[in-house]
Amino acid sequence: GRTFPTHDLAWFRQTPGNERSFVAAIRLSRGNT
């Protein structure tokens, strides 16, 4: 499906018993991180 260039892609992580936490993101249109 189309993600470039209209989306941000992010990575989250989660350990047992905890909420998902943000790790990193990239703006696919410009490469900002």
All heavy atoms as atom14 arrays in JSON, in Angstrom:
{
  "sequence": "GRTFPTHDLAWFRQTPGNERSFVAAIRLSRGNT",
  "atom14_mask": [
    [1, 1, 1, 1, 0, 0, 0, 0, 0, 0, 0, 0, 0, 0],
    [1, 1, 1, 1, 1, 1, 1, 1, 1, 1, 1, 0, 0, 0],
    [1, 1, 1, 1, 1, 1, 1, 0, 0, 0, 0, 0, 0, 0],
    [1, 1, 1, 1, 1, 1, 1, 1, 1, 1, 1, 0, 0, 0],
    [1, 1, 1, 1, 1, 1, 1, 0, 0, 0, 0, 0, 0, 0],
    [1, 1, 1, 1, 1, 1, 1, 0, 0, 0, 0, 0, 0, 0],
    [1, 1, 1, 1, 1, 1, 1, 1, 1, 1, 0, 0, 0, 0],
    [1, 1, 1, 1, 1, 1, 1, 1, 0, 0, 0, 0, 0, 0],
    [1, 1, 1, 1, 1, 1, 1, 1, 0, 0, 0, 0, 0, 0],
    [1, 1, 1, 1, 1, 0, 0, 0, 0, 0, 0, 0, 0, 0],
    [1, 1, 1, 1, 1, 1, 1, 1, 1, 1, 1, 1, 1, 1],
    [1, 1, 1, 1, 1, 1, 1, 1, 1, 1, 1, 0, 0, 0],
    [1, 1, 1, 1, 1, 1, 1, 1, 1, 1, 1, 0, 0, 0],
    [1, 1, 1, 1, 1, 1, 1, 1, 1, 0, 0, 0, 0, 0],
    [1, 1, 1, 1, 1, 1, 1, 0, 0, 0, 0, 0, 0, 0],
    [1, 1, 1, 1, 1, 1, 1, 0, 0, 0, 0, 0, 0, 0],
    [1, 1, 1, 1, 0, 0, 0, 0, 0, 0, 0, 0, 0, 0],
    [1, 1, 1, 1, 1, 1, 1, 1, 0, 0, 0, 0, 0, 0],
    [1, 1, 1, 1, 1, 1, 1, 1, 1, 0, 0, 0, 0, 0],
    [1, 1, 1, 1, 1, 1, 1, 1, 1, 1, 1, 0, 0, 0],
    [1, 1, 1, 1, 1, 1, 0, 0, 0, 0, 0, 0, 0, 0],
    [1, 1, 1, 1, 1, 1, 1, 1, 1, 1, 1, 0, 0, 0],
    [1, 1, 1, 1, 1, 1, 1, 0, 0, 0, 0, 0, 0, 0],
    [1, 1, 1, 1, 1, 0, 0, 0, 0, 0, 0, 0, 0, 0],
    [1, 1, 1, 1, 1, 0, 0, 0, 0, 0, 0, 0, 0, 0],
    [1, 1, 1, 1, 1, 1, 1, 1, 0, 0, 0, 0, 0, 0],
    [1, 1, 1, 1, 1, 1, 1, 1, 1, 1, 1, 0, 0, 0],
    [1, 1, 1, 1, 1, 1, 1, 1, 0, 0, 0, 0, 0, 0],
    [1, 1, 1, 1, 1, 1, 0, 0, 0, 0, 0, 0, 0, 0],
    [1, 1, 1, 1, 1, 1, 1, 1, 1, 1, 1, 0, 0, 0],
    [1, 1, 1, 1, 0, 0, 0, 0, 0, 0, 0, 0, 0, 0],
    [1, 1, 1, 1, 1, 1, 1, 1, 0, 0, 0, 0, 0, 0],
    [1, 1, 1, 1, 1, 1, 1, 0, 0, 0, 0, 0, 0, 0]
  ],
  "atom14_positions": [
    [[0.85, -1.18, 0.0], [0.0, 0.0, 0.0], [0.88, 1.23, 0.0], [2.07, 1.16, 0.34], [0.0, 0.0, 0.0], [0.0, 0.0, 0.0], [0.0, 0.0, 0.0], [0.0, 0.0, 0.0], [0.0, 0.0, 0.0], [0.0, 0.0, 0.0], [0.0, 0.0, 0.0], [0.0, 0.0, 0.0], [0.0, 0.0, 0.0], [0.0, 0.0, 0.0]],
    [[0.31, 2.34, -0.36], [1.12, 3.54, -0.54], [1.45, 4.19, 0.8], [0.57, 4.58, 1.55], [0.37, 4.53, -1.42], [1.23, 5.73, -1.79], [0.44, 6.74, -2.59], [1.29, 7.87, -2.98], [0.82, 9.02, -3.42], [-0.47, 9.19, -3.56], [1.65, 9.99, -3.75], [0.0, 0.0, 0.0], [0.0, 0.0, 0.0], [0.0, 0.0, 0.0]],
    [[2.76, 4.28, 1.1], [3.19, 5.03, 2.28], [4.09, 6.2, 1.9], [4.11, 7.2, 2.6], [3.95, 4.11, 3.25], [5.03, 3.47, 2.54], [3.04, 3.05, 3.84], [0.0, 0.0, 0.0], [0.0, 0.0, 0.0], [0.0, 0.0, 0.0], [0.0, 0.0, 0.0], [0.0, 0.0, 0.0], [0.0, 0.0, 0.0], [0.0, 0.0, 0.0]],
    [[4.89, 6.05, 0.82], [5.72, 7.15, 0.33], [4.86, 8.03, -0.57], [4.18, 7.51, -1.44], [6.91, 6.6, -0.46], [7.98, 5.98, 0.39], [7.9, 4.66, 0.78], [9.07, 6.72, 0.8], [8.88, 4.08, 1.55], [10.06, 6.15, 1.56], [9.97, 4.83, 1.94], [0.0, 0.0, 0.0], [0.0, 0.0, 0.0], [0.0, 0.0, 0.0]],
    [[4.9, 9.34, -0.47], [5.62, 10.11, 0.54], [4.72, 10.68, 1.62], [5.09, 11.63, 2.29], [6.18, 11.25, -0.32], [5.06, 11.53, -1.28], [4.39, 10.19, -1.56], [0.0, 0.0, 0.0], [0.0, 0.0, 0.0], [0.0, 0.0, 0.0], [0.0, 0.0, 0.0], [0.0, 0.0, 0.0], [0.0, 0.0, 0.0], [0.0, 0.0, 0.0]],
    [[3.57, 10.09, 1.81], [2.52, 10.73, 2.6], [2.48, 10.34, 4.07], [1.65, 10.85, 4.81], [1.16, 10.37, 1.99], [1.07, 8.94, 1.87], [1.0, 11.01, 0.61], [0.0, 0.0, 0.0], [0.0, 0.0, 0.0], [0.0, 0.0, 0.0], [0.0, 0.0, 0.0], [0.0, 0.0, 0.0], [0.0, 0.0, 0.0], [0.0, 0.0, 0.0]],
    [[3.35, 9.43, 4.49], [3.23, 8.9, 5.84], [4.5, 9.12, 6.66], [5.6, 9.3, 6.13], [2.96, 7.39, 5.8], [1.55, 7.05, 5.4], [1.06, 7.31, 4.15], [0.54, 6.49, 6.11], [-0.2, 6.9, 4.1], [-0.54, 6.4, 5.26], [0.0, 0.0, 0.0], [0.0, 0.0, 0.0], [0.0, 0.0, 0.0], [0.0, 0.0, 0.0]],
    [[4.32, 9.09, 7.97], [5.43, 8.9, 8.91], [5.47, 7.42, 9.25], [4.42, 6.79, 9.47], [5.22, 9.69, 10.2], [5.46, 11.17, 10.02], [6.0, 11.58, 8.98], [5.08, 11.93, 10.94], [0.0, 0.0, 0.0], [0.0, 0.0, 0.0], [0.0, 0.0, 0.0], [0.0, 0.0, 0.0], [0.0, 0.0, 0.0], [0.0, 0.0, 0.0]],
    [[6.67, 6.85, 9.29], [6.86, 5.48, 9.75], [7.61, 5.54, 11.08], [8.6, 6.26, 11.19], [7.7, 4.7, 8.73], [7.02, 3.55, 8.01], [6.71, 2.42, 8.97], [5.77, 4.01, 7.31], [0.0, 0.0, 0.0], [0.0, 0.0, 0.0], [0.0, 0.0, 0.0], [0.0, 0.0, 0.0], [0.0, 0.0, 0.0], [0.0, 0.0, 0.0]],
    [[7.15, 4.79, 12.04], [7.76, 4.82, 13.36], [8.01, 3.41, 13.87], [7.36, 2.45, 13.42], [6.87, 5.56, 14.34], [0.0, 0.0, 0.0], [0.0, 0.0, 0.0], [0.0, 0.0, 0.0], [0.0, 0.0, 0.0], [0.0, 0.0, 0.0], [0.0, 0.0, 0.0], [0.0, 0.0, 0.0], [0.0, 0.0, 0.0], [0.0, 0.0, 0.0]],
    [[8.95, 3.31, 14.77], [9.19, 2.08, 15.51], [8.84, 2.32, 16.97], [9.23, 3.34, 17.55], [10.65, 1.64, 15.39], [11.01, 1.08, 14.05], [11.51, 1.77, 12.99], [10.88, -0.27, 13.62], [11.71, 0.94, 11.92], [11.33, -0.33, 12.28], [10.43, -1.45, 14.21], [11.34, -1.52, 11.53], [10.44, -2.62, 13.49], [10.89, -2.66, 12.15]],
    [[8.13, 1.36, 17.55], [7.83, 1.33, 18.97], [8.35, 0.01, 19.52], [8.61, -0.93, 18.77], [6.31, 1.42, 19.2], [5.72, 2.76, 18.9], [5.47, 3.16, 17.59], [5.4, 3.64, 19.92], [4.92, 4.39, 17.3], [4.84, 4.88, 19.65], [4.59, 5.26, 18.34], [0.0, 0.0, 0.0], [0.0, 0.0, 0.0], [0.0, 0.0, 0.0]],
    [[8.45, -0.07, 20.83], [8.8, -1.34, 21.45], [7.99, -1.54, 22.72], [7.51, -0.58, 23.33], [10.3, -1.41, 21.75], [10.84, -0.38, 22.72], [12.36, -0.45, 22.76], [12.95, 0.49, 23.7], [14.25, 0.71, 23.83], [15.12, 0.04, 23.06], [14.7, 1.58, 24.72], [0.0, 0.0, 0.0], [0.0, 0.0, 0.0], [0.0, 0.0, 0.0]],
    [[7.85, -2.8, 23.08], [7.01, -3.15, 24.22], [7.59, -4.33, 24.96], [7.97, -5.33, 24.34], [5.58, -3.46, 23.75], [4.58, -3.65, 24.86], [3.17, -3.78, 24.32], [2.94, -4.18, 23.18], [2.19, -3.45, 25.16], [0.0, 0.0, 0.0], [0.0, 0.0, 0.0], [0.0, 0.0, 0.0], [0.0, 0.0, 0.0], [0.0, 0.0, 0.0]],
    [[7.63, -4.21, 26.3], [8.02, -5.32, 27.17], [6.79, -5.78, 27.94], [5.83, -5.02, 28.1], [9.13, -4.89, 28.12], [8.72, -3.73, 28.85], [10.4, -4.56, 27.35], [0.0, 0.0, 0.0], [0.0, 0.0, 0.0], [0.0, 0.0, 0.0], [0.0, 0.0, 0.0], [0.0, 0.0, 0.0], [0.0, 0.0, 0.0], [0.0, 0.0, 0.0]],
    [[6.79, -7.01, 28.44], [5.61, -7.55, 29.14], [5.18, -6.65, 30.29], [6.0, -6.23, 31.1], [6.1, -8.91, 29.63], [7.15, -9.3, 28.65], [7.84, -8.03, 28.28], [0.0, 0.0, 0.0], [0.0, 0.0, 0.0], [0.0, 0.0, 0.0], [0.0, 0.0, 0.0], [0.0, 0.0, 0.0], [0.0, 0.0, 0.0], [0.0, 0.0, 0.0]],
    [[3.89, -6.36, 30.33], [3.34, -5.57, 31.41], [3.48, -4.08, 31.23], [3.05, -3.31, 32.1], [0.0, 0.0, 0.0], [0.0, 0.0, 0.0], [0.0, 0.0, 0.0], [0.0, 0.0, 0.0], [0.0, 0.0, 0.0], [0.0, 0.0, 0.0], [0.0, 0.0, 0.0], [0.0, 0.0, 0.0], [0.0, 0.0, 0.0], [0.0, 0.0, 0.0]],
    [[4.08, -3.66, 30.13], [4.29, -2.23, 29.88], [3.61, -1.79, 28.59], [3.33, -2.61, 27.71], [5.78, -1.91, 29.8], [6.47, -2.12, 31.12], [6.1, -1.55, 32.14], [7.5, -2.97, 31.13], [0.0, 0.0, 0.0], [0.0, 0.0, 0.0], [0.0, 0.0, 0.0], [0.0, 0.0, 0.0], [0.0, 0.0, 0.0], [0.0, 0.0, 0.0]],
    [[3.38, -0.5, 28.48], [2.81, 0.04, 27.26], [3.9, 0.15, 26.2], [5.09, 0.15, 26.5], [2.19, 1.41, 27.53], [1.02, 1.38, 28.49], [0.41, 2.74, 28.68], [0.96, 3.73, 28.17], [-0.64, 2.83, 29.34], [0.0, 0.0, 0.0], [0.0, 0.0, 0.0], [0.0, 0.0, 0.0], [0.0, 0.0, 0.0], [0.0, 0.0, 0.0]],
    [[3.45, 0.27, 24.96], [4.39, 0.48, 23.87], [5.03, 1.85, 24.02], [4.36, 2.84, 24.31], [3.68, 0.37, 22.52], [3.26, -1.04, 22.21], [2.62, -1.19, 20.87], [2.04, -2.53, 20.76], [1.45, -3.0, 19.67], [1.35, -2.24, 18.59], [0.97, -4.23, 19.67], [0.0, 0.0, 0.0], [0.0, 0.0, 0.0], [0.0, 0.0, 0.0]],
    [[6.33, 1.89, 23.79], [7.05, 3.16, 23.9], [7.72, 3.49, 22.57], [8.16, 2.6, 21.83], [8.09, 3.09, 25.01], [9.05, 2.11, 24.74], [0.0, 0.0, 0.0], [0.0, 0.0, 0.0], [0.0, 0.0, 0.0], [0.0, 0.0, 0.0], [0.0, 0.0, 0.0], [0.0, 0.0, 0.0], [0.0, 0.0, 0.0], [0.0, 0.0, 0.0]],
    [[7.77, 4.76, 22.3], [8.32, 5.27, 21.05], [9.82, 5.05, 20.99], [10.52, 5.25, 21.99], [7.99, 6.76, 20.93], [8.63, 7.44, 19.76], [8.09, 7.32, 18.5], [9.78, 8.18, 19.93], [8.68, 7.95, 17.41], [10.38, 8.82, 18.87], [9.83, 8.7, 17.6], [0.0, 0.0, 0.0], [0.0, 0.0, 0.0], [0.0, 0.0, 0.0]],
    [[10.3, 4.68, 19.81], [11.73, 4.48, 19.6], [12.27, 5.49, 18.58], [13.21, 6.23, 18.86], [12.02, 3.05, 19.11], [13.51, 2.88, 18.79], [11.58, 2.02, 20.15], [0.0, 0.0, 0.0], [0.0, 0.0, 0.0], [0.0, 0.0, 0.0], [0.0, 0.0, 0.0], [0.0, 0.0, 0.0], [0.0, 0.0, 0.0], [0.0, 0.0, 0.0]],
    [[11.68, 5.52, 17.4], [12.18, 6.4, 16.34], [11.11, 6.55, 15.27], [10.22, 5.7, 15.15], [13.46, 5.83, 15.72], [0.0, 0.0, 0.0], [0.0, 0.0, 0.0], [0.0, 0.0, 0.0], [0.0, 0.0, 0.0], [0.0, 0.0, 0.0], [0.0, 0.0, 0.0], [0.0, 0.0, 0.0], [0.0, 0.0, 0.0], [0.0, 0.0, 0.0]],
    [[11.23, 7.63, 14.49], [10.29, 7.87, 13.4], [11.0, 8.54, 12.24], [12.02, 9.23, 12.44], [9.12, 8.73, 13.87], [0.0, 0.0, 0.0], [0.0, 0.0, 0.0], [0.0, 0.0, 0.0], [0.0, 0.0, 0.0], [0.0, 0.0, 0.0], [0.0, 0.0, 0.0], [0.0, 0.0, 0.0], [0.0, 0.0, 0.0], [0.0, 0.0, 0.0]],
    [[10.43, 8.36, 11.06], [10.97, 9.0, 9.87], [9.82, 9.52, 9.02], [8.78, 8.85, 8.9], [11.86, 8.02, 9.06], [12.54, 8.75, 7.89], [11.07, 6.81, 8.58], [13.66, 7.93, 7.25], [0.0, 0.0, 0.0], [0.0, 0.0, 0.0], [0.0, 0.0, 0.0], [0.0, 0.0, 0.0], [0.0, 0.0, 0.0], [0.0, 0.0, 0.0]],
    [[10.0, 10.73, 8.5], [9.0, 11.31, 7.6], [9.4, 10.91, 6.19], [10.45, 11.35, 5.69], [8.96, 12.81, 7.74], [7.93, 13.48, 6.82], [7.28, 14.67, 7.48], [6.59, 14.27, 8.68], [6.32, 15.1, 9.69], [6.69, 16.36, 9.63], [5.69, 14.66, 10.76], [0.0, 0.0, 0.0], [0.0, 0.0, 0.0], [0.0, 0.0, 0.0]],
    [[8.58, 10.1, 5.54], [8.98, 9.48, 4.28], [9.1, 10.49, 3.15], [9.8, 10.24, 2.17], [7.99, 8.37, 3.92], [7.93, 7.23, 4.94], [6.92, 6.19, 4.51], [9.3, 6.6, 5.14], [0.0, 0.0, 0.0], [0.0, 0.0, 0.0], [0.0, 0.0, 0.0], [0.0, 0.0, 0.0], [0.0, 0.0, 0.0], [0.0, 0.0, 0.0]],
    [[8.45, 11.63, 3.26], [8.51, 12.63, 2.2], [9.86, 13.33, 2.15], [10.34, 13.68, 1.07], [7.4, 13.66, 2.4], [7.52, 14.26, 3.67], [0.0, 0.0, 0.0], [0.0, 0.0, 0.0], [0.0, 0.0, 0.0], [0.0, 0.0, 0.0], [0.0, 0.0, 0.0], [0.0, 0.0, 0.0], [0.0, 0.0, 0.0], [0.0, 0.0, 0.0]],
    [[10.49, 13.52, 3.32], [11.73, 14.31, 3.36], [12.88, 13.61, 4.04], [14.0, 14.11, 4.02], [11.46, 15.64, 4.08], [10.56, 16.58, 3.3], [10.4, 17.9, 4.03], [9.68, 18.86, 3.21], [9.35, 20.08, 3.61], [9.67, 20.48, 4.83], [8.7, 20.89, 2.82], [0.0, 0.0, 0.0], [0.0, 0.0, 0.0], [0.0, 0.0, 0.0]],
    [[12.62, 12.52, 4.71], [13.69, 11.82, 5.4], [14.03, 12.37, 6.77], [14.98, 11.91, 7.4], [0.0, 0.0, 0.0], [0.0, 0.0, 0.0], [0.0, 0.0, 0.0], [0.0, 0.0, 0.0], [0.0, 0.0, 0.0], [0.0, 0.0, 0.0], [0.0, 0.0, 0.0], [0.0, 0.0, 0.0], [0.0, 0.0, 0.0], [0.0, 0.0, 0.0]],
    [[13.25, 13.33, 7.27], [13.48, 13.83, 8.63], [13.29, 12.69, 9.61], [12.43, 11.82, 9.43], [12.47, 14.93, 8.97], [12.39, 15.99, 7.91], [12.04, 15.68, 6.77], [12.7, 17.21, 8.26], [0.0, 0.0, 0.0], [0.0, 0.0, 0.0], [0.0, 0.0, 0.0], [0.0, 0.0, 0.0], [0.0, 0.0, 0.0], [0.0, 0.0, 0.0]],
    [[14.07, 12.72, 10.66], [14.0, 11.66, 11.66], [13.87, 12.23, 13.07], [14.2, 13.4, 13.32], [15.25, 10.76, 11.6], [16.42, 11.57, 11.81], [15.35, 10.04, 10.28], [0.0, 0.0, 0.0], [0.0, 0.0, 0.0], [0.0, 0.0, 0.0], [0.0, 0.0, 0.0], [0.0, 0.0, 0.0], [0.0, 0.0, 0.0], [0.0, 0.0, 0.0]]
  ]
}
